[in-house]
N, C-alpha and C. Protein backbone atom coordinates (compact mmCIF):
# COMPACT_ATOMS: atom_id res chain seq x y z
N UNK A 1 -5.55 19.49 -20.15
CA UNK A 1 -4.50 18.64 -20.69
C UNK A 1 -4.40 17.37 -19.85
N UNK A 2 -4.39 16.26 -20.49
CA UNK A 2 -4.36 14.96 -19.80
C UNK A 2 -2.92 14.50 -19.62
N UNK A 3 -2.63 13.94 -18.45
CA UNK A 3 -1.28 13.43 -18.17
C UNK A 3 -0.98 12.23 -19.06
N UNK A 4 0.29 12.05 -19.36
CA UNK A 4 0.72 10.91 -20.17
C UNK A 4 0.48 9.62 -19.41
N UNK A 5 0.08 8.59 -20.12
CA UNK A 5 -0.16 7.29 -19.50
C UNK A 5 1.16 6.62 -19.17
N UNK A 6 1.10 5.69 -18.26
CA UNK A 6 2.28 4.91 -17.91
C UNK A 6 2.70 5.14 -16.47
N UNK A 7 3.70 4.42 -16.06
CA UNK A 7 4.20 4.51 -14.70
C UNK A 7 5.20 5.64 -14.59
N UNK A 8 5.25 6.23 -13.41
CA UNK A 8 6.17 7.34 -13.19
C UNK A 8 7.59 6.88 -12.90
N UNK A 9 8.52 7.79 -13.12
CA UNK A 9 9.92 7.59 -12.75
C UNK A 9 10.46 8.92 -12.28
N UNK A 10 11.54 8.89 -11.51
CA UNK A 10 12.17 10.14 -11.10
C UNK A 10 12.66 10.93 -12.29
N UNK A 11 13.15 10.23 -13.32
CA UNK A 11 13.65 10.92 -14.51
C UNK A 11 12.55 11.72 -15.20
N UNK A 12 11.31 11.24 -15.14
CA UNK A 12 10.17 11.94 -15.74
C UNK A 12 9.60 13.00 -14.80
N UNK A 13 10.21 13.15 -13.62
CA UNK A 13 9.72 14.03 -12.56
C UNK A 13 8.31 13.65 -12.14
N UNK A 14 8.05 12.38 -12.20
CA UNK A 14 6.80 11.80 -11.71
C UNK A 14 7.21 10.61 -10.86
N UNK A 15 7.52 10.87 -9.58
CA UNK A 15 8.10 9.82 -8.73
C UNK A 15 7.22 8.58 -8.62
N UNK A 16 7.88 7.44 -8.47
CA UNK A 16 7.21 6.16 -8.27
C UNK A 16 7.15 5.85 -6.79
N UNK A 17 6.00 5.38 -6.35
CA UNK A 17 5.81 5.02 -4.96
C UNK A 17 5.44 3.55 -4.89
N UNK A 18 5.82 2.95 -3.79
CA UNK A 18 5.43 1.58 -3.52
C UNK A 18 4.92 1.53 -2.10
N UNK A 19 3.75 0.96 -1.92
CA UNK A 19 3.11 0.93 -0.61
C UNK A 19 2.62 -0.47 -0.30
N UNK A 20 2.81 -0.88 0.93
CA UNK A 20 2.26 -2.14 1.43
C UNK A 20 1.45 -1.77 2.66
N UNK A 21 0.28 -2.38 2.79
CA UNK A 21 -0.55 -2.08 3.96
C UNK A 21 -1.28 -3.34 4.39
N UNK A 22 -1.29 -3.57 5.69
CA UNK A 22 -2.08 -4.67 6.24
C UNK A 22 -3.52 -4.19 6.31
N UNK A 23 -4.45 -5.08 6.09
CA UNK A 23 -5.83 -4.70 6.30
C UNK A 23 -6.02 -4.41 7.78
N UNK A 24 -6.55 -3.26 8.08
CA UNK A 24 -6.71 -2.79 9.47
C UNK A 24 -5.38 -2.79 10.21
N UNK A 25 -4.30 -2.45 9.51
CA UNK A 25 -3.00 -2.49 10.17
C UNK A 25 -2.02 -1.45 9.67
N UNK A 26 -0.76 -1.82 9.79
CA UNK A 26 0.34 -0.90 9.53
C UNK A 26 0.63 -0.77 8.04
N UNK A 27 1.34 0.30 7.72
CA UNK A 27 1.66 0.59 6.33
C UNK A 27 3.15 0.89 6.19
N UNK A 28 3.69 0.59 5.01
CA UNK A 28 5.05 0.94 4.63
C UNK A 28 4.95 1.60 3.26
N UNK A 29 5.53 2.78 3.11
CA UNK A 29 5.50 3.46 1.82
C UNK A 29 6.91 3.94 1.49
N UNK A 30 7.31 3.74 0.24
CA UNK A 30 8.66 4.14 -0.20
C UNK A 30 8.57 4.78 -1.57
N UNK A 31 9.49 5.69 -1.81
CA UNK A 31 9.64 6.31 -3.12
C UNK A 31 10.88 5.69 -3.76
N UNK A 32 10.75 5.24 -5.01
CA UNK A 32 11.85 4.61 -5.72
C UNK A 32 12.10 5.36 -7.03
N UNK A 33 13.30 5.23 -7.57
CA UNK A 33 13.55 5.83 -8.90
C UNK A 33 12.62 5.23 -9.95
N UNK A 34 12.23 3.96 -9.76
CA UNK A 34 11.27 3.28 -10.61
C UNK A 34 10.73 2.12 -9.78
N UNK A 35 9.60 1.62 -10.18
CA UNK A 35 9.01 0.49 -9.47
C UNK A 35 9.06 -0.72 -10.40
N UNK A 36 10.00 -1.59 -10.09
CA UNK A 36 10.19 -2.83 -10.86
C UNK A 36 10.35 -3.97 -9.86
N UNK A 37 10.32 -5.20 -10.35
CA UNK A 37 10.44 -6.34 -9.46
C UNK A 37 11.74 -6.30 -8.65
N UNK A 38 12.84 -5.91 -9.27
CA UNK A 38 14.11 -5.91 -8.52
C UNK A 38 14.18 -4.78 -7.50
N UNK A 39 13.32 -3.75 -7.61
CA UNK A 39 13.32 -2.71 -6.58
C UNK A 39 12.34 -3.02 -5.46
N UNK A 40 11.24 -3.73 -5.76
CA UNK A 40 10.28 -4.01 -4.70
C UNK A 40 10.58 -5.28 -3.91
N UNK A 41 11.26 -6.23 -4.53
CA UNK A 41 11.50 -7.51 -3.85
C UNK A 41 12.23 -7.34 -2.51
N UNK A 42 13.30 -6.55 -2.41
CA UNK A 42 13.98 -6.43 -1.11
C UNK A 42 13.09 -5.85 -0.01
N UNK A 43 12.30 -4.85 -0.33
CA UNK A 43 11.44 -4.26 0.71
C UNK A 43 10.31 -5.22 1.08
N UNK A 44 9.81 -5.96 0.11
CA UNK A 44 8.75 -6.91 0.42
C UNK A 44 9.27 -8.05 1.29
N UNK A 45 10.40 -8.64 0.92
CA UNK A 45 10.90 -9.78 1.68
C UNK A 45 11.37 -9.36 3.08
N UNK A 46 11.75 -8.11 3.23
CA UNK A 46 12.14 -7.60 4.55
C UNK A 46 10.91 -7.31 5.42
N UNK A 47 9.80 -6.96 4.79
CA UNK A 47 8.63 -6.48 5.51
C UNK A 47 7.54 -7.53 5.70
N UNK A 48 7.33 -8.36 4.69
CA UNK A 48 6.20 -9.29 4.71
C UNK A 48 6.69 -10.71 4.99
N UNK A 49 6.07 -11.36 5.96
CA UNK A 49 6.44 -12.72 6.34
C UNK A 49 6.17 -13.70 5.19
N UNK A 50 7.04 -14.70 5.04
CA UNK A 50 6.80 -15.73 4.01
C UNK A 50 5.44 -16.38 4.21
N UNK A 51 4.86 -16.87 3.13
CA UNK A 51 3.55 -17.54 3.12
C UNK A 51 2.37 -16.61 3.38
N UNK A 52 2.61 -15.30 3.48
CA UNK A 52 1.52 -14.34 3.64
C UNK A 52 0.73 -14.26 2.33
N UNK A 53 -0.58 -14.17 2.44
CA UNK A 53 -1.41 -13.99 1.26
C UNK A 53 -1.44 -12.50 0.93
N UNK A 54 -1.01 -12.16 -0.28
CA UNK A 54 -0.90 -10.77 -0.71
C UNK A 54 -1.96 -10.50 -1.77
N UNK A 55 -2.72 -9.43 -1.57
CA UNK A 55 -3.75 -9.02 -2.52
C UNK A 55 -3.23 -7.82 -3.31
N UNK A 56 -3.36 -7.88 -4.63
CA UNK A 56 -2.87 -6.80 -5.49
C UNK A 56 -3.86 -6.55 -6.63
N UNK A 57 -3.54 -5.53 -7.41
CA UNK A 57 -4.24 -5.35 -8.67
C UNK A 57 -3.52 -6.18 -9.73
N UNK A 58 -3.86 -5.98 -10.98
CA UNK A 58 -3.34 -6.84 -12.04
C UNK A 58 -1.97 -6.43 -12.56
N UNK A 59 -1.35 -5.41 -12.00
CA UNK A 59 -0.07 -4.91 -12.50
C UNK A 59 0.95 -6.06 -12.55
N UNK A 60 1.61 -6.21 -13.68
CA UNK A 60 2.52 -7.33 -13.93
C UNK A 60 3.70 -7.43 -12.98
N UNK A 61 4.02 -6.37 -12.28
CA UNK A 61 5.14 -6.38 -11.34
C UNK A 61 4.94 -7.44 -10.26
N UNK A 62 3.68 -7.82 -10.03
CA UNK A 62 3.38 -8.78 -8.96
C UNK A 62 3.38 -10.23 -9.43
N UNK A 63 3.76 -10.49 -10.65
CA UNK A 63 3.70 -11.84 -11.21
C UNK A 63 4.63 -12.84 -10.52
N UNK A 64 5.65 -12.38 -9.83
CA UNK A 64 6.61 -13.29 -9.19
C UNK A 64 6.35 -13.49 -7.69
N UNK A 65 5.26 -12.97 -7.17
CA UNK A 65 5.01 -13.10 -5.73
C UNK A 65 5.01 -14.55 -5.26
N UNK A 66 4.44 -15.44 -6.02
CA UNK A 66 4.44 -16.86 -5.63
C UNK A 66 5.85 -17.43 -5.63
N UNK A 67 6.67 -17.02 -6.60
CA UNK A 67 8.08 -17.45 -6.64
C UNK A 67 8.85 -16.93 -5.43
N UNK A 68 8.43 -15.78 -4.90
CA UNK A 68 9.10 -15.18 -3.74
C UNK A 68 8.58 -15.75 -2.42
N UNK A 69 7.64 -16.68 -2.47
CA UNK A 69 7.17 -17.35 -1.26
C UNK A 69 5.88 -16.80 -0.67
N UNK A 70 5.10 -16.07 -1.46
CA UNK A 70 3.84 -15.51 -0.96
C UNK A 70 2.66 -16.13 -1.68
N UNK A 71 1.53 -16.17 -0.98
CA UNK A 71 0.28 -16.45 -1.66
C UNK A 71 -0.11 -15.18 -2.40
N UNK A 72 -0.85 -15.30 -3.49
CA UNK A 72 -1.18 -14.11 -4.26
C UNK A 72 -2.55 -14.24 -4.90
N UNK A 73 -3.37 -13.22 -4.66
CA UNK A 73 -4.66 -13.10 -5.32
C UNK A 73 -4.77 -11.66 -5.82
N UNK A 74 -5.38 -11.49 -6.99
CA UNK A 74 -5.48 -10.14 -7.54
C UNK A 74 -6.86 -9.90 -8.13
N UNK A 75 -7.18 -8.63 -8.25
CA UNK A 75 -8.37 -8.19 -8.97
C UNK A 75 -7.91 -7.47 -10.22
N UNK A 76 -8.70 -7.56 -11.25
CA UNK A 76 -8.35 -6.91 -12.52
C UNK A 76 -9.21 -5.67 -12.69
N UNK A 77 -8.70 -4.56 -12.20
CA UNK A 77 -9.47 -3.32 -12.25
C UNK A 77 -9.63 -2.84 -13.69
N UNK A 78 -8.73 -3.22 -14.57
CA UNK A 78 -8.87 -2.88 -15.98
C UNK A 78 -10.11 -3.48 -16.62
N UNK A 79 -10.60 -4.56 -16.01
CA UNK A 79 -11.83 -5.21 -16.47
C UNK A 79 -13.00 -4.88 -15.54
N UNK A 80 -12.87 -3.79 -14.78
CA UNK A 80 -13.90 -3.34 -13.83
C UNK A 80 -14.17 -4.35 -12.72
N UNK A 81 -13.16 -5.13 -12.35
CA UNK A 81 -13.30 -6.04 -11.21
C UNK A 81 -12.60 -5.37 -10.03
N UNK A 82 -13.37 -5.01 -9.02
CA UNK A 82 -12.81 -4.29 -7.87
C UNK A 82 -12.83 -5.12 -6.60
N UNK A 83 -13.64 -6.16 -6.57
CA UNK A 83 -13.70 -7.05 -5.41
C UNK A 83 -14.31 -8.38 -5.87
N UNK A 84 -13.88 -9.46 -5.20
CA UNK A 84 -14.35 -10.78 -5.60
C UNK A 84 -14.59 -11.64 -4.36
N UNK A 85 -15.71 -12.34 -4.38
CA UNK A 85 -16.07 -13.30 -3.33
C UNK A 85 -15.73 -14.68 -3.86
N UNK A 86 -14.62 -15.24 -3.42
CA UNK A 86 -14.17 -16.53 -3.96
C UNK A 86 -14.79 -17.73 -3.28
N UNK A 87 -15.25 -17.57 -2.04
CA UNK A 87 -15.79 -18.73 -1.34
C UNK A 87 -17.31 -18.65 -1.13
N UNK A 88 -17.94 -17.71 -1.83
CA UNK A 88 -19.40 -17.56 -1.82
C UNK A 88 -20.00 -17.40 -0.42
N UNK A 89 -19.27 -16.72 0.46
CA UNK A 89 -19.81 -16.46 1.79
C UNK A 89 -20.43 -15.06 1.91
N UNK A 90 -20.47 -14.34 0.79
CA UNK A 90 -21.05 -13.00 0.79
C UNK A 90 -20.06 -11.91 1.11
N UNK A 91 -18.83 -12.29 1.48
CA UNK A 91 -17.78 -11.32 1.80
C UNK A 91 -16.78 -11.29 0.65
N UNK A 92 -16.58 -10.16 0.06
CA UNK A 92 -15.66 -10.01 -1.08
C UNK A 92 -14.24 -9.79 -0.55
N UNK A 93 -13.55 -10.88 -0.28
CA UNK A 93 -12.25 -10.82 0.39
C UNK A 93 -11.09 -10.42 -0.54
N UNK A 94 -11.23 -10.63 -1.82
CA UNK A 94 -10.16 -10.29 -2.75
C UNK A 94 -10.42 -8.87 -3.26
N UNK A 95 -9.62 -7.92 -2.76
CA UNK A 95 -9.75 -6.52 -3.18
C UNK A 95 -8.50 -5.75 -2.77
N UNK A 96 -8.37 -4.56 -3.30
CA UNK A 96 -7.28 -3.66 -2.90
C UNK A 96 -7.87 -2.35 -2.37
N UNK A 97 -9.07 -2.41 -1.82
CA UNK A 97 -9.75 -1.21 -1.33
C UNK A 97 -9.02 -0.56 -0.16
N UNK A 98 -8.36 -1.36 0.68
CA UNK A 98 -7.60 -0.79 1.80
C UNK A 98 -6.51 0.12 1.26
N UNK A 99 -5.83 -0.35 0.22
CA UNK A 99 -4.77 0.45 -0.40
C UNK A 99 -5.34 1.70 -1.05
N UNK A 100 -6.44 1.56 -1.75
CA UNK A 100 -7.06 2.71 -2.40
C UNK A 100 -7.45 3.77 -1.38
N UNK A 101 -7.99 3.35 -0.25
CA UNK A 101 -8.36 4.29 0.80
C UNK A 101 -7.13 4.99 1.37
N UNK A 102 -6.05 4.24 1.57
CA UNK A 102 -4.81 4.84 2.07
C UNK A 102 -4.31 5.92 1.12
N UNK A 103 -4.29 5.62 -0.20
CA UNK A 103 -3.82 6.59 -1.19
C UNK A 103 -4.72 7.81 -1.25
N UNK A 104 -6.00 7.61 -1.07
CA UNK A 104 -6.93 8.73 -1.05
C UNK A 104 -6.61 9.66 0.12
N UNK A 105 -6.36 9.08 1.28
CA UNK A 105 -5.99 9.90 2.45
C UNK A 105 -4.65 10.60 2.24
N UNK A 106 -3.70 9.90 1.66
CA UNK A 106 -2.39 10.49 1.40
C UNK A 106 -2.50 11.67 0.44
N UNK A 107 -3.23 11.49 -0.66
CA UNK A 107 -3.41 12.60 -1.62
C UNK A 107 -4.08 13.79 -0.95
N UNK A 108 -5.10 13.54 -0.16
CA UNK A 108 -5.80 14.62 0.56
C UNK A 108 -4.84 15.34 1.51
N UNK A 109 -3.99 14.58 2.20
CA UNK A 109 -3.05 15.15 3.16
C UNK A 109 -1.95 15.97 2.45
N UNK A 110 -1.52 15.49 1.27
CA UNK A 110 -0.46 16.20 0.53
C UNK A 110 -0.98 17.42 -0.23
N UNK A 111 -2.24 17.46 -0.55
CA UNK A 111 -2.80 18.52 -1.39
C UNK A 111 -2.40 19.93 -0.94
N UNK A 112 -2.48 20.28 0.34
CA UNK A 112 -2.10 21.64 0.74
C UNK A 112 -0.59 21.94 0.58
N UNK A 113 0.22 20.90 0.46
CA UNK A 113 1.68 21.05 0.36
C UNK A 113 2.12 21.06 -1.10
N UNK A 114 1.48 21.82 -1.93
CA UNK A 114 1.79 21.85 -3.37
C UNK A 114 3.25 22.21 -3.60
N UNK A 115 3.82 21.62 -4.63
CA UNK A 115 5.18 21.98 -5.00
C UNK A 115 6.26 21.36 -4.14
N UNK A 116 6.01 20.17 -3.61
CA UNK A 116 7.01 19.49 -2.80
C UNK A 116 8.12 19.00 -3.72
N UNK A 117 9.35 19.30 -3.38
CA UNK A 117 10.47 18.84 -4.21
C UNK A 117 10.64 17.33 -4.07
N UNK A 118 11.18 16.71 -5.11
CA UNK A 118 11.39 15.26 -5.09
C UNK A 118 12.34 14.85 -3.97
N UNK A 119 13.27 15.73 -3.64
CA UNK A 119 14.20 15.34 -2.58
C UNK A 119 13.56 15.41 -1.20
N UNK A 120 12.52 16.22 -1.01
CA UNK A 120 11.85 16.31 0.29
C UNK A 120 10.62 15.41 0.38
N UNK A 121 10.11 14.96 -0.74
CA UNK A 121 8.91 14.13 -0.75
C UNK A 121 9.04 12.88 0.12
N UNK A 122 10.18 12.17 0.14
CA UNK A 122 10.27 11.00 1.03
C UNK A 122 10.05 11.34 2.50
N UNK A 123 10.42 12.54 2.93
CA UNK A 123 10.19 12.94 4.32
C UNK A 123 8.70 13.11 4.60
N UNK A 124 7.97 13.70 3.65
CA UNK A 124 6.53 13.84 3.80
C UNK A 124 5.87 12.46 3.83
N UNK A 125 6.31 11.57 2.96
CA UNK A 125 5.75 10.22 2.93
C UNK A 125 6.02 9.47 4.23
N UNK A 126 7.24 9.60 4.73
CA UNK A 126 7.60 8.94 6.00
C UNK A 126 6.78 9.49 7.16
N UNK A 127 6.55 10.79 7.16
CA UNK A 127 5.76 11.39 8.22
C UNK A 127 4.32 10.89 8.17
N UNK A 128 3.75 10.83 6.96
CA UNK A 128 2.39 10.32 6.82
C UNK A 128 2.31 8.86 7.25
N UNK A 129 3.30 8.06 6.84
CA UNK A 129 3.36 6.65 7.25
C UNK A 129 3.38 6.55 8.77
N UNK A 130 4.20 7.38 9.39
CA UNK A 130 4.32 7.38 10.86
C UNK A 130 2.97 7.73 11.51
N UNK A 131 2.31 8.77 11.00
CA UNK A 131 1.01 9.16 11.55
C UNK A 131 0.00 8.01 11.44
N UNK A 132 -0.02 7.39 10.28
CA UNK A 132 -0.94 6.26 10.07
C UNK A 132 -0.64 5.12 11.04
N UNK A 133 0.63 4.76 11.16
CA UNK A 133 1.00 3.62 11.99
C UNK A 133 0.86 3.90 13.48
N UNK A 134 1.18 5.11 13.91
CA UNK A 134 1.02 5.47 15.32
C UNK A 134 -0.46 5.41 15.69
N UNK A 135 -1.31 5.93 14.83
CA UNK A 135 -2.74 5.91 15.09
C UNK A 135 -3.22 4.47 15.27
N UNK A 136 -2.75 3.56 14.42
CA UNK A 136 -3.14 2.15 14.53
C UNK A 136 -2.62 1.54 15.84
N UNK A 137 -1.38 1.83 16.18
CA UNK A 137 -0.79 1.25 17.40
C UNK A 137 -1.45 1.81 18.65
N UNK A 138 -1.71 3.11 18.68
CA UNK A 138 -2.35 3.73 19.84
C UNK A 138 -3.74 3.16 20.03
N UNK A 139 -4.47 2.99 18.95
CA UNK A 139 -5.81 2.42 19.02
C UNK A 139 -5.76 1.02 19.62
N UNK A 140 -4.81 0.20 19.18
CA UNK A 140 -4.68 -1.16 19.70
C UNK A 140 -4.26 -1.14 21.17
N UNK A 141 -3.31 -0.26 21.51
CA UNK A 141 -2.84 -0.18 22.89
C UNK A 141 -3.94 0.32 23.81
N UNK A 142 -4.74 1.27 23.33
CA UNK A 142 -5.80 1.83 24.16
C UNK A 142 -6.85 0.77 24.50
N UNK A 143 -7.23 -0.04 23.53
CA UNK A 143 -8.23 -1.07 23.84
C UNK A 143 -7.67 -2.07 24.84
N UNK A 144 -6.38 -2.42 24.71
CA UNK A 144 -5.75 -3.32 25.68
C UNK A 144 -5.69 -2.71 27.07
N UNK A 145 -5.36 -1.43 27.13
CA UNK A 145 -5.28 -0.73 28.42
C UNK A 145 -6.67 -0.66 29.06
N UNK A 146 -7.69 -0.35 28.28
CA UNK A 146 -9.05 -0.30 28.83
C UNK A 146 -9.47 -1.67 29.35
N UNK A 147 -9.08 -2.73 28.65
CA UNK A 147 -9.41 -4.09 29.09
C UNK A 147 -8.76 -4.39 30.45
N UNK A 148 -7.50 -3.97 30.61
CA UNK A 148 -6.79 -4.18 31.88
C UNK A 148 -7.44 -3.37 32.99
N UNK A 149 -7.79 -2.12 32.72
CA UNK A 149 -8.35 -1.25 33.75
C UNK A 149 -9.79 -1.61 34.13
N UNK A 150 -10.58 -1.95 33.13
CA UNK A 150 -12.01 -2.13 33.39
C UNK A 150 -12.50 -3.54 33.10
N UNK A 151 -11.57 -4.42 32.70
CA UNK A 151 -11.82 -5.74 32.21
C UNK A 151 -12.73 -6.63 32.86
């Protein structure tokens, strides 16, 4: 049986998630009753510095990013576009692969925890976010510490 198409909502018992991740950096993930422009704007403006270039897929929720003070580039995965080289340097800089990899890891991590209630799911998401971010910070701190010690 195939799942119904469309975006999830808490009312459908298919929670909506919103995630922001820096390339090679930190992540923020939240569960919302629904994912709409008025629900994501506060978390984005609180988390992402103005004038930051934001890469997304083609989902229409991101249409106001420029109005909110961000640069915006997107790939249209519906048209099988997954990465784009805009400056012809051989590096496909416009993509959402970092996000896709994060979600793949999250799904793998959640898989053994089948049957998580909607009320407890935000705690699991926060814990995963913390693990991801601590790992990034420790890695950065360790290289700095090694530079100081053996520099």
